[in-house]
Amino acid sequence: MSDSSRPKCFGDLERVFPSESGGLRQVAAGCWDCTHRVDCLRAAASGQGRETLYEEKALRGDPEGMVGFMRRWSRRKAASRREES
């Protein structure tokens, strides 16, 4: 598939998979009918987009207490290791 046939928003995480008011991300309404949707979302969720998604997931509220703390710490540690490699 050539780059010229892709829309300008192709792979742009904030345009194709924006954060909603609750902090969760949803596929943009205009993307559902796009023929490039699957490849576009994959591109948006890779590279820098992947790190953004991992970071958001690590910061998202988990159960309180020690279990929640350990889960968040583990996610942040894993994200840090991926960033270093």
Protein backbone atom coordinates (compact mmCIF):
# COMPACT_ATOMS: atom_id res chain seq x y z
CA MET A 1 0.00 0.00 0.00
CA SER A 2 1.55 3.31 -1.00
CA ASP A 3 1.96 6.19 1.40
CA SER A 4 0.20 8.54 -1.02
CA SER A 5 -3.08 6.61 -0.74
CA ARG A 6 -3.14 6.95 3.05
CA PRO A 7 -5.06 9.78 4.71
CA LYS A 8 -3.06 12.52 6.47
CA CYS A 9 -4.19 11.25 9.88
CA PHE A 10 -2.67 7.78 9.27
CA GLY A 11 -0.91 6.53 12.41
CA ASP A 12 -1.50 9.72 14.44
CA LEU A 13 -2.39 8.36 17.89
CA GLU A 14 -4.18 11.50 19.07
CA ARG A 15 -6.37 11.71 15.95
CA VAL A 16 -7.27 8.05 15.40
CA PHE A 17 -7.32 6.85 19.02
CA PRO A 18 -8.03 9.96 21.14
CA SER A 19 -8.48 10.05 24.91
CA GLU A 20 -12.06 10.50 26.02
CA SER A 21 -13.22 12.46 29.07
CA GLY A 22 -12.70 9.49 31.41
CA GLY A 23 -9.10 9.07 30.28
CA LEU A 24 -9.75 5.95 28.22
CA ARG A 25 -9.03 5.88 24.51
CA GLN A 26 -11.57 5.02 21.82
CA VAL A 27 -11.32 4.75 18.07
CA ALA A 28 -12.40 8.03 16.47
CA ALA A 29 -15.88 7.90 14.94
CA GLY A 30 -14.60 8.83 11.48
CA CYS A 31 -12.20 5.90 11.45
CA TRP A 32 -14.74 3.09 11.50
CA ASP A 33 -15.50 3.36 7.79
CA CYS A 34 -11.89 3.90 6.71
CA THR A 35 -10.28 1.11 4.68
CA HIS A 36 -6.93 1.81 6.37
CA ARG A 37 -8.33 1.50 9.92
CA VAL A 38 -6.53 -1.66 11.05
CA ASP A 39 -3.11 -0.74 9.64
CA CYS A 40 -3.52 2.82 10.87
CA LEU A 41 -4.30 1.78 14.45
CA ARG A 42 -1.40 -0.66 14.43
CA ALA A 43 0.92 2.12 13.27
CA ALA A 44 -0.45 4.50 15.91
CA ALA A 45 0.05 1.92 18.67
CA SER A 46 3.66 1.20 17.72
CA GLY A 47 6.80 3.26 18.26
CA GLN A 48 6.25 6.35 20.39
CA GLY A 49 2.52 5.61 20.54
CA ARG A 50 3.26 2.30 22.23
CA GLU A 51 5.20 4.03 24.99
CA THR A 52 2.40 6.54 25.47
CA LEU A 53 -0.18 3.76 25.78
CA TYR A 54 1.96 1.78 28.24
CA GLU A 55 2.52 4.88 30.35
CA GLU A 56 -1.18 5.71 30.43
CA LYS A 57 -2.00 2.15 31.43
CA ALA A 58 0.58 2.25 34.22
CA LEU A 59 -0.87 5.48 35.59
CA ARG A 60 -4.50 4.37 35.32
CA GLY A 61 -6.17 3.73 38.63
CA ASP A 62 -5.86 0.21 39.94
CA PRO A 63 -7.19 -1.18 43.18
CA GLU A 64 -5.89 0.67 46.20
CA GLY A 65 -3.58 -0.81 48.75
CA MET A 66 -0.42 -2.84 48.39
CA VAL A 67 -1.68 -4.97 45.48
CA GLY A 68 -2.51 -1.88 43.42
CA PHE A 69 0.82 -0.30 44.30
CA MET A 70 2.74 -3.42 43.21
CA ARG A 71 0.83 -3.64 39.91
CA ARG A 72 1.53 0.00 39.08
CA TRP A 73 5.19 -0.34 40.07
CA SER A 74 5.57 -3.47 37.96
CA ARG A 75 4.02 -1.80 34.90
CA ARG A 76 6.25 1.25 35.26
CA LYS A 77 9.35 -0.91 35.70
CA ALA A 78 8.46 -2.94 32.58
CA ALA A 79 7.85 0.25 30.58
CA SER A 80 11.20 1.62 31.76
CA ARG A 81 12.99 -1.56 30.68
CA ARG A 82 11.33 -1.42 27.22
CA GLU A 83 12.38 2.21 26.91
CA GLU A 84 16.00 1.37 27.73
CA SER A 85 16.22 -1.39 25.10
